Amino acid sequence: MALAEDAIRSAMAGRFLKGTVDQVVAAARDKAAEMAANRPLPGRGHDGPVRRDCPIECLGLPARAYNGLVRSDFDFARSMRPTVGEVVELAAGGRLEDARQIGPRTAEQINGALRKAGFEIARHHHDHR
């Protein structure tokens, strides 16, 4: 956060009055804190029970697994932000590995995160032929 504040001050130096720069930095600090408080990040997990309507950030997935889901060509209802419930359905149908970015190891990481969150994942194997 301090690096961002220094970058703002440096970029705005000479363009605005010091009071204005300090106001912008304070507003940016407040907005960053608000955003951080309202958005779980990959790897950070979730406080409280993870529900089906939670975004996948709540699973605390490793970056490769998170990015594989977000960048996949699955048709998620919430666009680029799939829900835990949508991932449960993919896992239950054995479809995680259908995404080009998700291999067996990454699929197992996702399944493990789902199990850890309390979801039972039946192991249906999808035929890739």
Protein backbone atom coordinates (compact mmCIF):
# COMPACT_ATOMS: atom_id res chain seq x y z
CA MET A 1 0.00 0.00 0.00
CA ALA A 2 2.81 2.42 0.81
CA LEU A 3 4.34 1.76 -2.61
CA ALA A 4 1.06 2.72 -4.28
CA GLU A 5 0.86 5.90 -2.23
CA ASP A 6 4.42 6.82 -3.17
CA ALA A 7 3.62 6.15 -6.84
CA ILE A 8 0.57 8.42 -6.69
CA ARG A 9 2.54 11.20 -5.02
CA SER A 10 5.37 10.88 -7.54
CA ALA A 11 3.04 10.83 -10.55
CA MET A 12 1.11 13.86 -9.34
CA ALA A 13 4.08 15.92 -8.11
CA GLY A 14 4.16 19.32 -9.75
CA ARG A 15 0.68 18.93 -11.25
CA PHE A 16 -1.44 19.69 -8.21
CA LEU A 17 -1.17 21.45 -4.90
CA LYS A 18 0.17 19.33 -2.06
CA GLY A 19 -3.17 19.37 -0.24
CA THR A 20 -4.84 17.96 -3.35
CA VAL A 21 -2.26 15.18 -3.66
CA ASP A 22 -2.73 14.23 -0.02
CA GLN A 23 -6.50 14.15 -0.54
CA VAL A 24 -6.12 11.85 -3.56
CA VAL A 25 -3.77 9.55 -1.64
CA ALA A 26 -6.19 9.41 1.30
CA ALA A 27 -9.12 8.65 -1.01
CA ALA A 28 -7.10 5.95 -2.79
CA ARG A 29 -6.10 4.42 0.57
CA ASP A 30 -9.74 4.34 1.71
CA LYS A 31 -10.92 2.82 -1.57
CA ALA A 32 -8.16 0.16 -1.51
CA ALA A 33 -9.08 -0.79 2.06
CA GLU A 34 -12.76 -1.03 1.11
CA MET A 35 -11.97 -3.20 -1.91
CA ALA A 36 -9.70 -5.48 0.12
CA ALA A 37 -12.34 -5.93 2.80
CA ASN A 38 -15.09 -6.78 0.32
CA ARG A 39 -13.28 -9.15 -2.02
CA PRO A 40 -11.70 -12.43 -0.95
CA LEU A 41 -8.56 -13.13 -2.93
CA PRO A 42 -7.32 -16.45 -4.32
CA GLY A 43 -5.39 -18.28 -1.64
CA ARG A 44 -6.93 -16.27 1.18
CA GLY A 45 -9.89 -18.54 1.69
CA HIS A 46 -13.12 -17.68 3.39
CA ASP A 47 -14.28 -16.93 6.91
CA GLY A 48 -17.40 -18.86 7.82
CA PRO A 49 -19.14 -21.56 5.82
CA VAL A 50 -18.57 -21.65 2.08
CA ARG A 51 -21.92 -21.76 0.31
CA ARG A 52 -22.80 -22.72 -3.26
CA ASP A 53 -23.51 -19.08 -4.14
CA CYS A 54 -20.06 -17.92 -2.98
CA PRO A 55 -17.55 -16.85 -5.65
CA ILE A 56 -14.68 -19.30 -6.17
CA GLU A 57 -12.30 -16.96 -4.36
CA CYS A 58 -13.85 -18.33 -1.16
CA LEU A 59 -12.25 -21.72 -1.81
CA GLY A 60 -8.72 -20.37 -1.36
CA LEU A 61 -7.48 -22.14 -4.49
CA PRO A 62 -3.86 -22.06 -5.62
CA ALA A 63 -3.29 -19.52 -8.41
CA ARG A 64 -3.07 -22.16 -11.18
CA ALA A 65 -6.42 -23.71 -10.21
CA TYR A 66 -8.12 -20.34 -9.78
CA ASN A 67 -6.81 -19.03 -13.10
CA GLY A 68 -7.71 -22.28 -14.86
CA LEU A 69 -11.33 -21.90 -13.81
CA VAL A 70 -11.55 -18.18 -14.52
CA ARG A 71 -9.91 -18.53 -17.94
CA SER A 72 -11.77 -21.69 -18.92
CA ASP A 73 -14.35 -21.83 -21.66
CA PHE A 74 -17.08 -23.10 -19.33
CA ASP A 75 -20.30 -21.11 -19.60
CA PHE A 76 -20.59 -19.63 -16.12
CA ALA A 77 -23.72 -17.65 -15.27
CA ARG A 78 -21.71 -14.88 -13.60
CA SER A 79 -19.36 -14.44 -16.56
CA MET A 80 -15.71 -14.43 -15.46
CA ARG A 81 -16.59 -15.13 -11.80
CA PRO A 82 -17.92 -18.66 -11.35
CA THR A 83 -19.65 -19.65 -8.15
CA VAL A 84 -18.67 -22.51 -5.88
CA GLY A 85 -21.93 -24.24 -6.88
CA GLU A 86 -21.00 -24.12 -10.57
CA VAL A 87 -17.61 -25.65 -9.79
CA VAL A 88 -19.27 -28.34 -7.64
CA GLU A 89 -21.44 -29.27 -10.64
CA LEU A 90 -18.41 -29.45 -12.96
CA ALA A 91 -16.51 -31.58 -10.45
CA ALA A 92 -19.46 -33.89 -9.83
CA GLY A 93 -19.83 -34.39 -13.58
CA GLY A 94 -16.12 -35.10 -13.99
CA ARG A 95 -15.83 -32.12 -16.34
CA LEU A 96 -13.06 -30.09 -14.69
CA GLU A 97 -10.39 -31.54 -16.97
CA ASP A 98 -12.43 -30.57 -20.03
CA ALA A 99 -10.93 -27.09 -19.71
CA ARG A 100 -7.67 -26.70 -21.61
CA GLN A 101 -6.06 -25.02 -18.58
CA ILE A 102 -6.99 -27.71 -16.05
CA GLY A 103 -5.07 -30.98 -15.90
CA PRO A 104 -5.44 -33.92 -13.49
CA ARG A 105 -3.32 -32.34 -10.75
CA THR A 106 -5.15 -29.02 -10.91
CA ALA A 107 -8.52 -30.80 -10.97
CA GLU A 108 -7.50 -32.68 -7.81
CA GLN A 109 -6.53 -29.39 -6.13
CA ILE A 110 -9.99 -28.01 -6.96
CA ASN A 111 -11.70 -31.18 -5.73
CA GLY A 112 -9.63 -31.04 -2.54
CA ALA A 113 -10.63 -27.42 -1.92
CA LEU A 114 -14.29 -28.35 -2.47
CA ARG A 115 -14.01 -31.27 -0.02
CA LYS A 116 -12.26 -29.06 2.52
CA ALA A 117 -15.14 -26.57 2.20
CA GLY A 118 -17.56 -29.40 3.03
CA PHE A 119 -18.84 -30.41 -0.40
CA GLU A 120 -19.14 -34.11 -1.24
CA ILE A 121 -17.82 -34.70 -4.72
CA ALA A 122 -18.86 -38.01 -6.27
CA ARG A 123 -16.15 -39.26 -8.58
CA HIS A 124 -17.79 -39.52 -11.99
CA HIS A 125 -15.20 -39.90 -14.68
CA HIS A 126 -15.94 -38.10 -17.91
CA ASP A 127 -15.13 -39.94 -21.14
CA HIS A 128 -12.89 -37.68 -23.25
CA ARG A 129 -13.43 -39.62 -26.49
